[in-house]
């Protein structure tokens, strides 16, 4: 097996892995059952009333 063959096979394998991963992430994000969890997570910064003990609240 030559270097060019190994390089092209590894490039195709990497492309396949990352395309599969990307499609998996899209399926996870747009799956109808995950909507409630995403809505709850989007409200966390707005609902959080925790202030740091430093006194200046991060300023």
N, C-alpha and C. Protein backbone atom coordinates (compact mmCIF):
# COMPACT_ATOMS: atom_id res chain seq x y z
N UNK A 1 0.84 -1.17 0.00
CA UNK A 1 0.00 0.00 0.00
C UNK A 1 0.90 1.24 0.00
N UNK A 2 0.63 2.13 -0.91
CA UNK A 2 1.45 3.33 -1.01
C UNK A 2 0.92 4.42 -0.09
N UNK A 3 1.74 5.43 0.08
CA UNK A 3 1.36 6.56 0.92
C UNK A 3 0.10 7.24 0.40
N UNK A 4 0.00 7.39 -0.91
CA UNK A 4 -1.16 8.07 -1.50
C UNK A 4 -2.44 7.29 -1.25
N UNK A 5 -2.35 5.96 -1.29
CA UNK A 5 -3.52 5.13 -1.03
C UNK A 5 -3.98 5.27 0.41
N UNK A 6 -3.02 5.20 1.33
CA UNK A 6 -3.35 5.34 2.75
C UNK A 6 -3.92 6.72 3.03
N UNK A 7 -3.34 7.73 2.40
CA UNK A 7 -3.81 9.10 2.61
C UNK A 7 -5.24 9.28 2.10
N UNK A 8 -5.53 8.75 0.93
CA UNK A 8 -6.88 8.91 0.39
C UNK A 8 -7.90 8.09 1.17
N UNK A 9 -7.53 6.89 1.62
CA UNK A 9 -8.45 6.08 2.42
C UNK A 9 -8.72 6.73 3.77
N UNK A 10 -7.70 7.28 4.39
CA UNK A 10 -7.92 7.94 5.69
C UNK A 10 -8.72 9.23 5.52
N UNK A 11 -8.54 9.92 4.42
CA UNK A 11 -9.34 11.12 4.17
C UNK A 11 -10.81 10.75 3.97
N UNK A 12 -11.07 9.68 3.24
CA UNK A 12 -12.46 9.24 3.05
C UNK A 12 -13.06 8.75 4.35
N UNK A 13 -12.28 8.03 5.15
CA UNK A 13 -12.78 7.54 6.43
C UNK A 13 -13.09 8.71 7.36
N UNK A 14 -12.22 9.70 7.41
CA UNK A 14 -12.46 10.87 8.24
C UNK A 14 -13.68 11.64 7.79
N UNK A 15 -13.85 11.79 6.49
CA UNK A 15 -15.03 12.47 5.96
C UNK A 15 -16.30 11.71 6.34
N UNK A 16 -16.27 10.39 6.20
CA UNK A 16 -17.43 9.57 6.56
C UNK A 16 -17.76 9.71 8.04
N UNK A 17 -16.75 9.67 8.89
CA UNK A 17 -16.97 9.77 10.34
C UNK A 17 -17.59 11.12 10.69
N UNK A 18 -17.06 12.20 10.16
CA UNK A 18 -17.56 13.53 10.52
C UNK A 18 -18.92 13.84 9.90
N UNK A 19 -19.19 13.33 8.71
CA UNK A 19 -20.52 13.51 8.13
C UNK A 19 -21.54 12.74 8.94
N UNK A 20 -21.20 11.51 9.35
CA UNK A 20 -22.09 10.71 10.19
C UNK A 20 -22.33 11.40 11.53
N UNK A 21 -21.29 11.94 12.13
CA UNK A 21 -21.42 12.66 13.39
C UNK A 21 -22.31 13.89 13.22
N UNK A 22 -22.13 14.63 12.15
CA UNK A 22 -22.93 15.82 11.89
C UNK A 22 -24.40 15.45 11.72
N UNK A 23 -24.68 14.40 10.97
CA UNK A 23 -26.07 13.97 10.79
C UNK A 23 -26.66 13.50 12.11
N UNK A 24 -25.86 12.82 12.93
CA UNK A 24 -26.34 12.39 14.24
C UNK A 24 -26.68 13.57 15.14
N UNK A 25 -25.87 14.61 15.11
CA UNK A 25 -26.16 15.81 15.90
C UNK A 25 -27.43 16.48 15.40
N UNK A 26 -27.60 16.57 14.10
CA UNK A 26 -28.82 17.17 13.55
C UNK A 26 -30.06 16.38 13.95
N UNK A 27 -29.97 15.06 13.91
CA UNK A 27 -31.11 14.23 14.32
C UNK A 27 -31.42 14.46 15.79
N UNK A 28 -30.38 14.52 16.63
CA UNK A 28 -30.59 14.75 18.06
C UNK A 28 -31.23 16.10 18.31
N UNK A 29 -30.76 17.12 17.64
CA UNK A 29 -31.26 18.48 17.87
C UNK A 29 -32.70 18.63 17.40
N UNK A 30 -33.04 18.07 16.27
CA UNK A 30 -34.37 18.27 15.71
C UNK A 30 -35.35 17.16 16.06
N UNK A 31 -34.96 16.21 16.91
CA UNK A 31 -35.88 15.15 17.33
C UNK A 31 -36.99 15.78 18.16
N UNK A 32 -38.25 15.50 17.87
CA UNK A 32 -39.37 16.17 18.55
C UNK A 32 -39.37 15.99 20.07
N UNK A 33 -38.90 14.89 20.57
CA UNK A 33 -38.92 14.66 22.01
C UNK A 33 -37.92 15.49 22.80
N UNK A 34 -36.95 16.08 22.13
CA UNK A 34 -35.93 16.87 22.81
C UNK A 34 -36.32 18.33 22.99
N UNK A 35 -37.42 18.75 22.43
CA UNK A 35 -37.84 20.16 22.48
C UNK A 35 -38.01 20.65 23.91
N UNK A 36 -38.62 19.86 24.77
CA UNK A 36 -38.87 20.29 26.14
C UNK A 36 -37.56 20.55 26.88
N UNK A 37 -36.61 19.67 26.73
CA UNK A 37 -35.32 19.85 27.38
C UNK A 37 -34.58 21.09 26.90
N UNK A 38 -34.64 21.35 25.60
CA UNK A 38 -33.99 22.54 25.06
C UNK A 38 -34.69 23.81 25.53
N UNK A 39 -36.01 23.78 25.63
CA UNK A 39 -36.74 24.95 26.13
C UNK A 39 -36.39 25.23 27.59
N UNK A 40 -36.29 24.17 28.40
CA UNK A 40 -35.91 24.36 29.81
C UNK A 40 -34.48 24.89 29.91
N UNK A 41 -33.58 24.37 29.12
CA UNK A 41 -32.20 24.83 29.16
C UNK A 41 -32.06 26.27 28.69
N UNK A 42 -32.90 26.69 27.77
CA UNK A 42 -32.81 28.07 27.29
C UNK A 42 -33.29 29.07 28.33
N UNK A 43 -34.07 28.63 29.30
CA UNK A 43 -34.57 29.52 30.35
C UNK A 43 -33.63 29.61 31.55
N UNK A 44 -32.61 28.79 31.63
CA UNK A 44 -31.73 28.76 32.80
C UNK A 44 -31.09 30.12 33.08
N UNK A 45 -30.51 30.81 32.10
CA UNK A 45 -29.89 32.10 32.42
C UNK A 45 -30.90 33.14 32.91
N UNK A 46 -32.12 33.06 32.45
CA UNK A 46 -33.13 34.04 32.83
C UNK A 46 -33.75 33.74 34.19
N UNK A 47 -33.82 32.46 34.56
CA UNK A 47 -34.44 32.06 35.82
C UNK A 47 -33.45 32.02 36.97
N UNK A 48 -32.17 32.05 36.71
CA UNK A 48 -31.16 31.92 37.75
C UNK A 48 -31.08 33.21 38.57
N UNK A 49 -31.27 33.08 39.89
CA UNK A 49 -31.15 34.22 40.79
C UNK A 49 -29.91 34.12 41.66
N UNK A 50 -29.00 33.24 41.31
CA UNK A 50 -27.78 33.07 42.09
C UNK A 50 -26.83 34.23 41.82
N UNK A 51 -26.36 34.83 42.89
CA UNK A 51 -25.36 35.87 42.77
C UNK A 51 -24.10 35.39 43.44
N UNK A 52 -22.98 35.76 42.89
CA UNK A 52 -21.72 35.31 43.46
C UNK A 52 -21.49 35.99 44.80
N UNK A 53 -20.70 35.35 45.64
CA UNK A 53 -20.42 35.88 46.97
C UNK A 53 -19.39 36.99 46.94
N UNK A 54 -18.88 37.33 45.77
CA UNK A 54 -17.85 38.35 45.64
C UNK A 54 -18.34 39.76 45.89
N UNK A 55 -19.61 40.01 45.75
CA UNK A 55 -20.15 41.33 46.02
C UNK A 55 -20.36 42.18 44.79
N UNK A 56 -19.53 42.03 43.77
CA UNK A 56 -19.71 42.86 42.58
C UNK A 56 -20.43 42.12 41.47
N UNK A 57 -20.86 40.90 41.72
CA UNK A 57 -21.63 40.09 40.77
C UNK A 57 -20.97 39.97 39.40
N UNK A 58 -19.66 39.81 39.39
CA UNK A 58 -18.94 39.58 38.14
C UNK A 58 -18.58 40.82 37.37
N UNK A 59 -18.77 41.97 37.94
CA UNK A 59 -18.43 43.21 37.23
C UNK A 59 -17.08 43.69 37.64
